[in-house]
Protein backbone atom coordinates (compact mmCIF):
# COMPACT_ATOMS: atom_id res chain seq x y z
CA MET A 1 -28.58 32.79 -18.53
CA LYS A 2 -29.04 33.31 -22.28
CA CYS A 3 -32.56 33.64 -23.78
CA SER A 4 -33.20 31.03 -26.47
CA LYS A 5 -35.57 33.40 -28.33
CA CYS A 6 -33.81 36.78 -28.50
CA GLY A 7 -30.31 35.82 -27.32
CA LYS A 8 -30.14 38.34 -24.44
CA LYS A 9 -28.08 37.34 -21.42
CA ASN A 10 -30.09 37.41 -18.20
CA LYS A 11 -29.30 36.90 -14.54
CA PRO A 12 -29.11 33.27 -13.34
CA ASP A 13 -32.11 33.71 -11.00
CA ASP A 14 -34.41 35.36 -13.63
CA ASP A 15 -37.48 33.36 -14.68
CA PHE A 16 -38.36 35.56 -17.72
CA CYS A 17 -36.24 37.37 -20.29
CA ALA A 18 -35.85 41.08 -19.47
CA LYS A 19 -36.02 41.99 -23.18
CA CYS A 20 -38.74 39.84 -24.77
CA GLY A 21 -40.47 38.31 -21.72
CA HIS A 22 -39.82 34.77 -22.92
CA ARG A 23 -39.80 32.13 -20.15
CA LEU A 24 -36.25 31.04 -19.47
CA LYS A 25 -35.35 27.40 -19.21
CA LYS A 26 -33.12 26.89 -16.24
CA GLU A 27 -30.35 24.36 -16.50
CA VAL A 28 -30.86 21.23 -14.43
CA LYS A 29 -27.72 19.82 -12.93
CA LYS A 30 -27.56 16.08 -13.53
CA ILE A 31 -26.07 13.87 -10.82
CA THR A 32 -24.98 10.43 -12.01
CA VAL A 33 -23.52 7.35 -10.35
CA ARG A 34 -20.28 8.01 -12.25
CA SER A 35 -19.91 11.50 -10.74
CA ILE A 36 -20.62 10.19 -7.22
CA LEU A 37 -18.01 7.43 -7.61
CA ALA A 38 -15.55 9.97 -9.02
CA TRP A 39 -15.97 12.13 -5.89
CA ILE A 40 -15.62 9.15 -3.54
CA PHE A 41 -12.50 7.64 -5.15
CA GLY A 42 -10.97 11.04 -5.86
CA ILE A 43 -11.15 12.18 -2.22
CA LEU A 44 -10.11 8.71 -0.97
CA PHE A 45 -6.91 8.62 -3.02
CA ILE A 46 -6.10 12.24 -2.25
CA LEU A 47 -6.10 11.27 1.46
CA VAL A 48 -4.05 8.13 0.72
CA GLY A 49 -1.51 10.19 -1.21
CA ALA A 50 -1.29 12.80 1.55
CA THR A 51 -0.45 10.11 4.13
CA SER A 52 2.20 8.63 1.79
CA PHE A 53 4.37 11.77 1.62
CA SER A 54 6.45 10.53 4.58
CA ASP A 55 7.42 7.33 2.69
CA SER A 56 7.94 8.88 -0.77
CA PHE A 57 7.16 12.50 -1.62
CA PHE A 58 6.99 11.88 -5.37
CA GLY A 59 4.90 8.72 -4.91
CA GLY A 60 2.43 10.54 -2.65
CA PHE A 61 2.27 13.44 -5.14
CA LEU A 62 1.36 11.06 -8.00
CA ILE A 63 -1.40 9.45 -5.91
CA VAL A 64 -2.84 12.88 -5.03
CA LEU A 65 -2.64 13.90 -8.72
CA GLY A 66 -4.45 10.69 -9.70
CA GLY A 67 -7.22 11.47 -7.20
CA LEU A 68 -7.54 15.06 -8.45
CA ILE A 69 -7.79 14.16 -12.13
CA ILE A 70 -11.04 12.18 -11.67
CA LEU A 71 -12.81 14.91 -9.67
CA PRO A 72 -15.56 16.57 -11.77
CA PRO A 73 -14.51 20.19 -10.93
CA VAL A 74 -10.99 19.49 -12.23
CA GLY A 75 -12.40 18.30 -15.56
CA ASP A 76 -14.56 21.45 -15.79
CA MET A 77 -11.54 23.65 -15.01
CA ILE A 78 -9.43 22.00 -17.74
CA ARG A 79 -12.28 22.37 -20.25
CA ASN A 80 -12.91 26.06 -19.42
CA LYS A 81 -9.27 27.15 -19.12
CA PHE A 82 -7.50 25.08 -21.78
CA HIS A 83 -10.50 24.21 -23.99
CA ILE A 84 -9.68 20.50 -23.67
CA GLU A 85 -12.30 17.97 -22.60
CA LEU A 86 -11.01 14.68 -21.18
CA SER A 87 -13.21 11.63 -21.75
CA GLY A 88 -14.24 9.40 -18.86
CA TRP A 89 -12.05 6.51 -20.08
CA LEU A 90 -9.03 8.79 -20.48
CA LYS A 91 -9.47 10.07 -16.90
CA PHE A 92 -9.79 6.50 -15.61
CA ILE A 93 -6.64 5.31 -17.43
CA ALA A 94 -4.66 8.34 -16.24
CA PHE A 95 -5.94 7.69 -12.69
CA LEU A 96 -4.79 4.03 -12.79
CA ILE A 97 -1.35 4.92 -14.17
CA LEU A 98 -0.67 7.74 -11.70
CA VAL A 99 -1.95 5.84 -8.65
CA GLY A 100 -0.17 2.62 -9.68
CA ILE A 101 3.20 4.35 -10.09
CA GLY A 102 2.69 6.33 -6.88
CA ILE A 103 1.92 3.23 -4.81
CA SER A 104 4.94 1.40 -6.27
CA LEU A 105 7.23 4.29 -5.32
CA THR A 106 5.94 4.46 -1.74
CA GLN A 107 6.63 0.75 -1.25
CA SER A 108 10.13 0.75 -2.77
CA ALA A 109 11.93 2.04 0.33
CA GLU A 110 15.39 0.51 0.50
CA LYS A 111 16.50 -1.41 3.54
CA LYS A 112 19.92 -0.73 4.94
CA THR A 113 21.83 -3.66 6.45
CA ILE A 114 22.76 -2.94 10.00
CA GLU A 115 25.90 -4.40 11.41
CA ILE A 116 26.98 -3.89 14.98
CA GLN A 117 30.59 -4.19 16.03
CA PRO A 118 30.89 -5.41 19.60
CA THR A 119 32.78 -3.12 21.90
CA GLU A 120 36.08 -4.45 22.95
CA ARG A 121 36.55 -4.78 26.62
CA VAL A 122 39.48 -3.04 28.12
CA GLN A 123 41.25 -5.46 30.31
CA GLU A 124 43.07 -4.17 33.27
CA GLU A 125 46.65 -5.15 33.43
CA THR A 126 47.82 -6.56 36.70
CA LEU A 127 51.37 -6.66 37.61
CA PRO A 128 52.57 -9.88 39.18
CA GLU A 129 53.25 -9.66 42.82
CA THR A 130 56.85 -9.98 43.70
CA THR A 131 58.36 -11.02 46.94
CA GLN A 132 61.62 -9.37 47.63
CA SER A 133 63.50 -11.84 49.68
CA LYS A 134 66.85 -10.43 48.80
CA ALA A 135 67.89 -6.91 47.93
CA THR A 136 70.00 -8.18 45.03
CA GLU A 137 67.20 -10.37 43.49
CA PRO A 138 65.73 -8.75 40.29
CA GLU A 139 61.98 -8.39 39.91
CA PRO A 140 60.40 -10.89 37.46
CA GLU A 141 59.26 -9.49 34.11
CA PRO A 142 55.46 -9.52 33.47
CA GLU A 143 54.24 -12.18 31.05
CA PRO A 144 53.07 -10.87 27.65
CA GLU A 145 49.30 -10.75 27.14
CA PRO A 146 47.81 -13.23 24.66
CA PRO A 147 46.55 -11.72 21.38
CA LYS A 148 42.96 -10.58 21.52
CA PRO A 149 40.52 -12.32 19.14
CA LYS A 150 39.08 -10.21 16.35
CA PRO A 151 35.43 -9.31 16.95
CA THR A 152 32.92 -11.08 14.71
CA PRO A 153 30.23 -8.85 13.12
CA VAL A 154 26.73 -9.68 14.31
CA LYS A 155 24.31 -9.85 11.36
CA LYS A 156 20.64 -9.23 11.90
CA VAL A 157 18.02 -11.86 11.04
CA LYS A 158 15.00 -10.95 8.91
CA SER A 159 11.89 -13.09 9.46
CA ALA A 160 8.11 -12.64 9.80
CA THR A 161 4.88 -14.64 9.97
CA LEU A 162 1.62 -14.06 8.09
CA THR A 163 -1.96 -14.72 9.23
CA ILE A 164 -5.06 -14.48 7.00
CA ASP A 165 -7.71 -13.10 9.34
CA ARG A 166 -10.70 -12.68 7.02
CA VAL A 167 -11.62 -13.23 3.35
CA GLN A 168 -14.35 -10.83 2.15
CA ILE A 169 -16.62 -11.67 -0.79
CA GLN A 170 -19.20 -9.29 -2.30
CA VAL A 171 -21.38 -10.20 -5.33
CA ALA A 172 -19.01 -13.04 -6.37
CA ASN A 173 -15.98 -10.71 -6.24
CA LEU A 174 -12.92 -10.81 -3.98
CA TYR A 175 -12.98 -7.78 -1.69
CA PRO A 176 -10.15 -6.55 0.61
CA THR A 177 -8.60 -9.41 2.60
CA ARG A 178 -7.62 -8.69 6.21
CA VAL A 179 -4.15 -10.00 7.19
CA THR A 180 -1.78 -9.72 10.16
CA VAL A 181 2.03 -9.61 9.84
CA THR A 182 4.23 -10.31 12.89
CA ASN A 183 7.92 -9.32 12.78
CA THR A 184 9.87 -12.17 14.43
CA GLY A 185 13.30 -10.99 13.26
CA ASP A 186 15.85 -8.36 14.26
CA VAL A 187 15.25 -5.65 11.60
CA THR A 188 12.27 -3.70 10.31
CA ILE A 189 10.69 -5.37 7.27
CA TYR A 190 9.07 -3.64 4.31
CA THR A 191 6.35 -5.92 2.98
CA LYS A 192 5.13 -6.98 -0.45
CA PHE A 193 2.45 -9.55 -1.22
CA ASP A 194 1.47 -11.97 -4.01
CA ILE A 195 -2.12 -13.27 -4.11
CA TYR A 196 -3.38 -16.46 -5.81
CA VAL A 197 -6.88 -18.00 -5.94
CA TYR A 198 -7.54 -21.64 -6.95
CA ASP A 199 -10.80 -23.54 -7.46
CA ASP A 200 -11.55 -26.95 -5.94
CA ASN A 201 -9.77 -28.65 -8.89
CA GLY A 202 -6.55 -26.74 -8.23
CA LYS A 203 -6.98 -24.52 -11.30
CA GLU A 204 -5.76 -20.95 -10.93
CA VAL A 205 -8.67 -18.48 -11.06
CA CYS A 206 -6.75 -15.23 -10.57
CA ALA A 207 -3.31 -14.10 -9.43
CA GLY A 208 -1.35 -10.90 -8.99
CA SER A 209 -0.08 -8.29 -6.58
CA PRO A 210 -2.57 -6.17 -4.60
CA MET A 211 -3.26 -2.64 -5.84
CA LEU A 212 -3.41 -1.47 -2.23
CA SER A 213 -1.52 -3.27 0.53
CA ASP A 214 -1.32 -2.57 4.25
CA PRO A 215 0.77 -2.95 6.38
CA SER A 216 3.69 -1.70 4.28
CA SER A 217 6.26 -1.95 7.08
CA VAL A 218 6.49 -3.71 10.46
CA SER A 219 8.99 -2.80 13.19
CA VAL A 220 11.00 -5.30 15.23
CA GLY A 221 8.81 -7.28 17.63
CA GLU A 222 5.63 -5.56 16.41
CA LYS A 223 2.42 -6.95 14.88
CA GLU A 224 0.48 -4.99 12.24
CA THR A 225 -2.97 -5.70 10.76
CA GLY A 226 -4.21 -4.32 7.43
CA GLU A 227 -6.06 -5.13 4.20
CA LEU A 228 -4.97 -6.24 0.73
CA LEU A 229 -7.03 -5.16 -2.31
CA MET A 230 -6.59 -6.98 -5.65
CA MET A 231 -8.76 -5.65 -8.47
CA GLY A 232 -10.57 -7.82 -11.02
CA CYS A 233 -10.80 -11.15 -9.15
CA SER A 234 -14.36 -12.45 -9.74
CA PHE A 235 -15.98 -15.89 -9.74
CA ASP A 236 -18.41 -17.18 -12.39
CA LYS A 237 -19.64 -20.22 -10.48
CA ASP A 238 -20.39 -21.33 -6.93
CA GLY A 239 -18.04 -23.62 -5.06
CA THR A 240 -15.11 -23.83 -2.66
CA TYR A 241 -12.00 -21.80 -3.46
CA THR A 242 -8.56 -21.50 -1.87
CA LEU A 243 -6.84 -18.16 -1.27
CA LYS A 244 -3.03 -18.27 -1.10
CA ILE A 245 -0.94 -15.25 -0.01
CA ASP A 246 2.88 -15.02 -0.14
CA LEU A 247 4.61 -12.53 2.19
CA LEU A 248 7.74 -11.05 0.55
CA ASP A 249 10.37 -8.47 1.44
CA THR A 250 11.55 -5.64 -0.84
CA ASP A 251 14.06 -8.03 -2.47
CA TYR A 252 11.15 -10.43 -3.23
CA ASN A 253 12.44 -13.06 -0.78
CA LYS A 254 9.55 -15.16 0.51
CA LEU A 255 9.14 -14.81 4.29
CA ASP A 256 5.92 -16.80 4.80
CA THR A 257 2.97 -18.36 2.92
CA LYS A 258 -0.58 -18.94 4.15
CA THR A 259 -3.77 -20.36 2.58
CA LYS A 260 -7.45 -20.06 3.51
CA ASP A 261 -10.54 -21.73 2.00
CA PHE A 262 -13.75 -19.83 1.31
CA THR A 263 -17.09 -20.58 -0.37
CA ILE A 264 -19.01 -18.80 -3.15
CA ASP A 265 -22.80 -19.37 -3.07
CA TYR A 266 -23.92 -16.32 -5.03
CA TRP A 267 -25.05 -17.88 -8.32
CA LYS A 268 -27.49 -20.41 -6.85
CA GLN A 269 -30.11 -17.68 -6.41
CA PHE A 270 -30.38 -17.39 -10.19
CA GLU A 271 -31.05 -21.11 -10.74
CA PHE A 272 -34.66 -22.03 -11.58
CA ASN A 273 -36.17 -25.51 -11.44
CA ILE A 274 -38.33 -26.17 -14.52
């Protein structure tokens, strides 16, 4: 710790300067809401990225890098080592870009079409029974077998159903929506979603694809439940709204569509009768 009067460097736990006796002012570490949120979201997306390595290594790496860049110690390390200080907005934009690209890569797994060729049955040949009534009578020749039909490839069917389990609203904002996807087809499906919100007049309030979506894949005959998070969907008035979700595959073919009504009654608490 440097003395503000004589400039001598002292130990961090010293209360007075060893040279001039001046009282040292100890630095007070300031904890802000921004730093707390940076820690929470940084660690959260580092864990999300680590679990995404199995789907896409590069996508998981970008998500982990996005989580690291908003952690306060990383900003201090960049400032001390490279003498570059990143602003809060620059960190936030870099975080959104890295995490957005990483999530897109983890969900872009390609589906391979599976075709099964039926196994041909080997038919046993039976020789016709002959009755030798006379020694000079020749044995009859066996009849030729009819041509075997060509096997027809069996193509798998891709289908699924969607259920909206719960719509969550916090402070007039759309929070993660819980959904269930059931695979009713013959192949594993890799899911994508489109979300729309309409007011009671049918006017579109917000629309887009979720920033975080789960489940990302559902095996044959299985049922998976997860949450969809779309950022920036808020409501400026009370009323009844309709949530519409489209279930898509990786080729953006629509597999199912569901709607669910919900009510906003947040703003009435600010109304005053004069």
